[in-house]
Amino acid sequence: MQGISIREFARQEKCSDTLVRRALRQKRLAAYADGSLDPTLIGTAWCAKNAKGANSSHDVRSSRLAASEPKGLSYSEALRIKENYLAMLRRLEYEEKSGSLIELAAVEAIVFEMFRAQRDAWLNWPTKVAPLIADTLGLTDIERLSAALAEQVYRQISELGDAPEHAFDAPR
């Protein structure tokens, strides 16, 4: 029997010839002895298992959209759901514009800067208070006292740095 070429088969099937060749290798399609394909196989389910074809992205996208759509809703119910979501989006926009809602990135930047300032203040603390403590206790070795205080402050800051981070996007 005389069939059609792989490229012609792919063109009529609206897929890539690579997809057809893969199907031949995986024995989902059978070729004639001369390498041509049976044109009656066009439109059959041979490519249903191979949705990753080059030109089948439209089919994959439409099936993803169909899978995400709720089943069995009436038009009025779908319209109600749509309006509810639009109302929630408008509320978020209003809250953001009015200043009662701020972006997470802005909050994270502010908190980061606050904690950096706290850390810097604590790292500078031993050199500020070592002379005062030495004077109060009558010590003469201020550098040694400052180094001991700095070591303890570094240890405390390191322990605080090991605390688990809070996931701001997780619901409470």
C-alpha atoms as a PDB file:
ATOM      1  CA  MET A   1       0.000   0.000   0.000  1.00  0.00           C
ATOM      2  CA  GLN A   2       1.092   3.543  -0.650  1.00  0.00           C
ATOM      3  CA  GLY A   3       0.978   5.879   2.348  1.00  0.00           C
ATOM      4  CA  ILE A   4       2.021   9.453   3.015  1.00  0.00           C
ATOM      5  CA  SER A   5       5.358  10.778   4.271  1.00  0.00           C
ATOM      6  CA  ILE A   6       6.047  11.444   7.938  1.00  0.00           C
ATOM      7  CA  ARG A   7       6.137  15.202   7.352  1.00  0.00           C
ATOM      8  CA  GLU A   8       2.861  15.189   5.423  1.00  0.00           C
ATOM      9  CA  PHE A   9       1.269  13.048   8.142  1.00  0.00           C
ATOM     10  CA  ALA A  10       2.493  15.517  10.804  1.00  0.00           C
ATOM     11  CA  ARG A  11       1.234  18.502   8.787  1.00  0.00           C
ATOM     12  CA  GLN A  12      -2.236  16.996   8.396  1.00  0.00           C
ATOM     13  CA  GLU A  13      -2.263  15.936  12.069  1.00  0.00           C
ATOM     14  CA  LYS A  14      -1.146  19.473  13.049  1.00  0.00           C
ATOM     15  CA  CYS A  15       1.793  18.251  15.100  1.00  0.00           C
ATOM     16  CA  SER A  16       5.555  18.083  14.664  1.00  0.00           C
ATOM     17  CA  ASP A  17       7.261  15.395  12.628  1.00  0.00           C
ATOM     18  CA  THR A  18       9.423  14.742  15.704  1.00  0.00           C
ATOM     19  CA  LEU A  19       6.283  13.696  17.546  1.00  0.00           C
ATOM     20  CA  VAL A  20       5.379  11.314  14.719  1.00  0.00           C
ATOM     21  CA  ARG A  21       8.907   9.841  14.655  1.00  0.00           C
ATOM     22  CA  ARG A  22       8.791   9.327  18.414  1.00  0.00           C
ATOM     23  CA  ALA A  23       5.444   7.545  18.088  1.00  0.00           C
ATOM     24  CA  LEU A  24       6.965   5.288  15.415  1.00  0.00           C
ATOM     25  CA  ARG A  25       9.902   4.457  17.692  1.00  0.00           C
ATOM     26  CA  GLN A  26       7.537   3.717  20.591  1.00  0.00           C
ATOM     27  CA  LYS A  27       5.358   1.537  18.325  1.00  0.00           C
ATOM     28  CA  ARG A  28       2.255   3.712  18.754  1.00  0.00           C
ATOM     29  CA  LEU A  29       2.233   4.133  14.978  1.00  0.00           C
ATOM     30  CA  ALA A  30       3.158   1.562  12.361  1.00  0.00           C
ATOM     31  CA  ALA A  31       4.806   2.443   9.051  1.00  0.00           C
ATOM     32  CA  TYR A  32       4.597   0.565   5.768  1.00  0.00           C
ATOM     33  CA  ALA A  33       7.681  -1.207   4.426  1.00  0.00           C
ATOM     34  CA  ASP A  34       8.662   1.892   2.406  1.00  0.00           C
ATOM     35  CA  GLY A  35       8.509   4.086   5.578  1.00  0.00           C
ATOM     36  CA  SER A  36       5.258   5.856   4.667  1.00  0.00           C
ATOM     37  CA  LEU A  37       2.275   6.082   6.996  1.00  0.00           C
ATOM     38  CA  ASP A  38      -1.362   5.120   6.611  1.00  0.00           C
ATOM     39  CA  PRO A  39      -3.407   8.336   6.103  1.00  0.00           C
ATOM     40  CA  THR A  40      -6.424   6.761   7.790  1.00  0.00           C
ATOM     41  CA  LEU A  41      -4.567   7.029  11.130  1.00  0.00           C
ATOM     42  CA  ILE A  42      -4.882  10.826  11.045  1.00  0.00           C
ATOM     43  CA  GLY A  43      -7.208  11.949  13.801  1.00  0.00           C
ATOM     44  CA  THR A  44      -6.939   8.748  15.824  1.00  0.00           C
ATOM     45  CA  ALA A  45      -5.796   8.648  19.445  1.00  0.00           C
ATOM     46  CA  TRP A  46      -2.175   7.749  18.661  1.00  0.00           C
ATOM     47  CA  CYS A  47      -0.889  11.105  20.017  1.00  0.00           C
ATOM     48  CA  ALA A  48      -3.091  11.363  23.105  1.00  0.00           C
ATOM     49  CA  LYS A  49      -0.331   9.900  25.279  1.00  0.00           C
ATOM     50  CA  ASN A  50       2.245  12.276  23.856  1.00  0.00           C
ATOM     51  CA  ALA A  51       1.037  15.773  24.734  1.00  0.00           C
ATOM     52  CA  LYS A  52       4.556  17.233  24.773  1.00  0.00           C
ATOM     53  CA  GLY A  53       4.744  17.631  21.019  1.00  0.00           C
ATOM     54  CA  ALA A  54       6.043  20.860  19.521  1.00  0.00           C
ATOM     55  CA  ASN A  55       2.752  22.002  18.023  1.00  0.00           C
ATOM     56  CA  SER A  56       0.442  20.456  20.596  1.00  0.00           C
ATOM     57  CA  SER A  57       0.983  23.242  23.152  1.00  0.00           C
ATOM     58  CA  HIS A  58      -2.382  24.732  22.259  1.00  0.00           C
ATOM     59  CA  ASP A  59      -4.104  21.460  23.151  1.00  0.00           C
ATOM     60  CA  VAL A  60      -2.149  21.228  26.418  1.00  0.00           C
ATOM     61  CA  ARG A  61      -3.039  24.821  27.360  1.00  0.00           C
ATOM     62  CA  SER A  62      -6.723  24.332  26.612  1.00  0.00           C
ATOM     63  CA  SER A  63      -6.813  21.093  28.616  1.00  0.00           C
ATOM     64  CA  ARG A  64      -5.147  22.846  31.576  1.00  0.00           C
ATOM     65  CA  LEU A  65      -7.729  25.619  31.428  1.00  0.00           C
ATOM     66  CA  ALA A  66     -10.540  23.114  31.224  1.00  0.00           C
ATOM     67  CA  ALA A  67      -9.132  21.197  34.199  1.00  0.00           C
ATOM     68  CA  SER A  68      -8.986  24.346  36.339  1.00  0.00           C
ATOM     69  CA  GLU A  69     -12.579  25.363  35.582  1.00  0.00           C
ATOM     70  CA  PRO A  70     -15.179  24.250  38.096  1.00  0.00           C
ATOM     71  CA  LYS A  71     -17.597  21.670  36.744  1.00  0.00           C
ATOM     72  CA  GLY A  72     -21.344  21.888  36.848  1.00  0.00           C
ATOM     73  CA  LEU A  73     -21.782  25.594  37.611  1.00  0.00           C
ATOM     74  CA  SER A  74     -24.659  27.526  36.199  1.00  0.00           C
ATOM     75  CA  TYR A  75     -23.981  30.812  34.471  1.00  0.00           C
ATOM     76  CA  SER A  76     -25.401  32.810  37.376  1.00  0.00           C
ATOM     77  CA  GLU A  77     -23.253  30.917  39.894  1.00  0.00           C
ATOM     78  CA  ALA A  78     -20.131  31.449  37.797  1.00  0.00           C
ATOM     79  CA  LEU A  79     -20.979  35.133  37.463  1.00  0.00           C
ATOM     80  CA  ARG A  80     -21.476  35.400  41.236  1.00  0.00           C
ATOM     81  CA  ILE A  81     -18.065  33.798  41.888  1.00  0.00           C
ATOM     82  CA  LYS A  82     -16.433  36.120  39.359  1.00  0.00           C
ATOM     83  CA  GLU A  83     -18.001  39.197  40.958  1.00  0.00           C
ATOM     84  CA  ASN A  84     -16.911  38.076  44.429  1.00  0.00           C
ATOM     85  CA  TYR A  85     -13.310  37.699  43.299  1.00  0.00           C
ATOM     86  CA  LEU A  86     -13.398  41.077  41.535  1.00  0.00           C
ATOM     87  CA  ALA A  87     -14.757  42.663  44.715  1.00  0.00           C
ATOM     88  CA  MET A  88     -11.927  41.115  46.747  1.00  0.00           C
ATOM     89  CA  LEU A  89      -9.357  42.406  44.245  1.00  0.00           C
ATOM     90  CA  ARG A  90     -10.851  45.903  44.374  1.00  0.00           C
ATOM     91  CA  ARG A  91     -10.777  45.786  48.174  1.00  0.00           C
ATOM     92  CA  LEU A  92      -7.086  44.855  48.127  1.00  0.00           C
ATOM     93  CA  GLU A  93      -6.358  47.690  45.684  1.00  0.00           C
ATOM     94  CA  TYR A  94      -8.247  50.150  47.910  1.00  0.00           C
ATOM     95  CA  GLU A  95      -6.429  49.004  51.054  1.00  0.00           C
ATOM     96  CA  GLU A  96      -3.077  49.286  49.298  1.00  0.00           C
ATOM     97  CA  LYS A  97      -3.834  52.788  47.986  1.00  0.00           C
ATOM     98  CA  SER A  98      -5.202  53.957  51.343  1.00  0.00           C
ATOM     99  CA  GLY A  99      -2.055  52.785  53.120  1.00  0.00           C
ATOM    100  CA  SER A 100      -3.655  50.172  55.355  1.00  0.00           C
ATOM    101  CA  LEU A 101      -2.017  47.401  53.325  1.00  0.00           C
ATOM    102  CA  ILE A 102       1.672  47.385  52.462  1.00  0.00           C
ATOM    103  CA  GLU A 103       3.790  45.059  50.409  1.00  0.00           C
ATOM    104  CA  LEU A 104       5.618  42.225  52.105  1.00  0.00           C
ATOM    105  CA  ALA A 105       8.926  43.247  50.494  1.00  0.00           C
ATOM    106  CA  ALA A 106       8.692  46.711  52.078  1.00  0.00           C
ATOM    107  CA  VAL A 107       8.010  45.222  55.518  1.00  0.00           C
ATOM    108  CA  GLU A 108      10.889  42.786  55.151  1.00  0.00           C
ATOM    109  CA  ALA A 109      13.260  45.629  54.188  1.00  0.00           C
ATOM    110  CA  ILE A 110      12.195  47.726  57.193  1.00  0.00           C
ATOM    111  CA  VAL A 111      12.516  44.819  59.629  1.00  0.00           C
ATOM    112  CA  PHE A 112      15.905  43.895  58.149  1.00  0.00           C
ATOM    113  CA  GLU A 113      17.193  47.448  58.638  1.00  0.00           C
ATOM    114  CA  MET A 114      15.840  47.571  62.205  1.00  0.00           C
ATOM    115  CA  PHE A 115      17.571  44.345  63.163  1.00  0.00           C
ATOM    116  CA  ARG A 116      20.787  45.423  61.431  1.00  0.00           C
ATOM    117  CA  ALA A 117      20.767  48.621  63.532  1.00  0.00           C
ATOM    118  CA  GLN A 118      20.188  46.548  66.691  1.00  0.00           C
ATOM    119  CA  ARG A 119      23.044  44.208  65.788  1.00  0.00           C
ATOM    120  CA  ASP A 120      25.406  47.105  65.101  1.00  0.00           C
ATOM    121  CA  ALA A 121      24.472  48.748  68.396  1.00  0.00           C
ATOM    122  CA  TRP A 122      25.232  45.536  70.292  1.00  0.00           C
ATOM    123  CA  LEU A 123      28.524  45.019  68.456  1.00  0.00           C
ATOM    124  CA  ASN A 124      29.629  48.531  69.460  1.00  0.00           C
ATOM    125  CA  TRP A 125      28.411  48.153  73.055  1.00  0.00           C
ATOM    126  CA  PRO A 126      31.521  46.418  74.522  1.00  0.00           C
ATOM    127  CA  THR A 127      33.886  49.217  73.439  1.00  0.00           C
ATOM    128  CA  LYS A 128      31.519  51.842  74.892  1.00  0.00           C
ATOM    129  CA  VAL A 129      30.917  50.235  78.288  1.00  0.00           C
ATOM    130  CA  ALA A 130      34.260  48.491  78.924  1.00  0.00           C
ATOM    131  CA  PRO A 131      35.957  51.676  80.230  1.00  0.00           C
ATOM    132  CA  LEU A 132      32.969  52.441  82.474  1.00  0.00           C
ATOM    133  CA  ILE A 133      32.887  48.918  83.919  1.00  0.00           C
ATOM    134  CA  ALA A 134      36.668  48.898  84.380  1.00  0.00           C
ATOM    135  CA  ASP A 135      36.493  52.215  86.241  1.00  0.00           C
ATOM    136  CA  THR A 136      33.631  50.987  88.438  1.00  0.00           C
ATOM    137  CA  LEU A 137      35.454  47.733  89.296  1.00  0.00           C
ATOM    138  CA  GLY A 138      38.895  49.343  89.524  1.00  0.00           C
ATOM    139  CA  LEU A 139      40.351  47.269  86.664  1.00  0.00           C
ATOM    140  CA  THR A 140      43.334  48.465  84.653  1.00  0.00           C
ATOM    141  CA  ASP A 141      43.175  46.094  81.645  1.00  0.00           C
ATOM    142  CA  ILE A 142      40.397  47.719  79.588  1.00  0.00           C
ATOM    143  CA  GLU A 143      41.316  45.898  76.337  1.00  0.00           C
ATOM    144  CA  ARG A 144      40.972  42.491  77.966  1.00  0.00           C
ATOM    145  CA  LEU A 145      37.598  43.425  79.482  1.00  0.00           C
ATOM    146  CA  SER A 146      36.428  44.812  76.138  1.00  0.00           C
ATOM    147  CA  ALA A 147      37.506  41.603  74.336  1.00  0.00           C
ATOM    148  CA  ALA A 148      35.686  39.422  76.911  1.00  0.00           C
ATOM    149  CA  LEU A 149      32.506  41.481  76.579  1.00  0.00           C
ATOM    150  CA  ALA A 150      32.747  41.451  72.767  1.00  0.00           C
ATOM    151  CA  GLU A 151      33.145  37.662  72.778  1.00  0.00           C
ATOM    152  CA  GLN A 152      29.993  37.248  74.851  1.00  0.00           C
ATOM    153  CA  VAL A 153      28.050  39.695  72.667  1.00  0.00           C
ATOM    154  CA  TYR A 154      29.183  37.875  69.487  1.00  0.00           C
ATOM    155  CA  ARG A 155      28.112  34.550  70.988  1.00  0.00           C
ATOM    156  CA  GLN A 156      24.675  35.956  71.907  1.00  0.00           C
ATOM    157  CA  ILE A 157      24.186  37.499  68.455  1.00  0.00           C
ATOM    158  CA  SER A 158      25.218  34.226  66.810  1.00  0.00           C
ATOM    159  CA  GLU A 159      22.635  32.335  68.864  1.00  0.00           C
ATOM    160  CA  LEU A 160      19.959  34.851  67.916  1.00  0.00           C
ATOM    161  CA  GLY A 161      20.956  34.512  64.253  1.00  0.00           C
ATOM    162  CA  ASP A 162      20.294  30.761  64.388  1.00  0.00           C
ATOM    163  CA  ALA A 163      16.617  31.311  65.215  1.00  0.00           C
ATOM    164  CA  PRO A 164      14.218  29.938  62.594  1.00  0.00           C
ATOM    165  CA  GLU A 165      12.880  32.442  60.097  1.00  0.00           C
ATOM    166  CA  HIS A 166       9.184  33.223  60.089  1.00  0.00           C
ATOM    167  CA  ALA A 167       7.295  32.475  56.892  1.00  0.00           C
ATOM    168  CA  PHE A 168       5.283  35.654  56.327  1.00  0.00           C
ATOM    169  CA  ASP A 169       3.245  34.103  53.534  1.00  0.00           C
ATOM    170  CA  ALA A 170       1.940  31.229  55.695  1.00  0.00           C
ATOM    171  CA  PRO A 171      -1.531  31.682  57.166  1.00  0.00           C
ATOM    172  CA  ARG A 172      -1.721  32.049  60.938  1.00  0.00           C
END
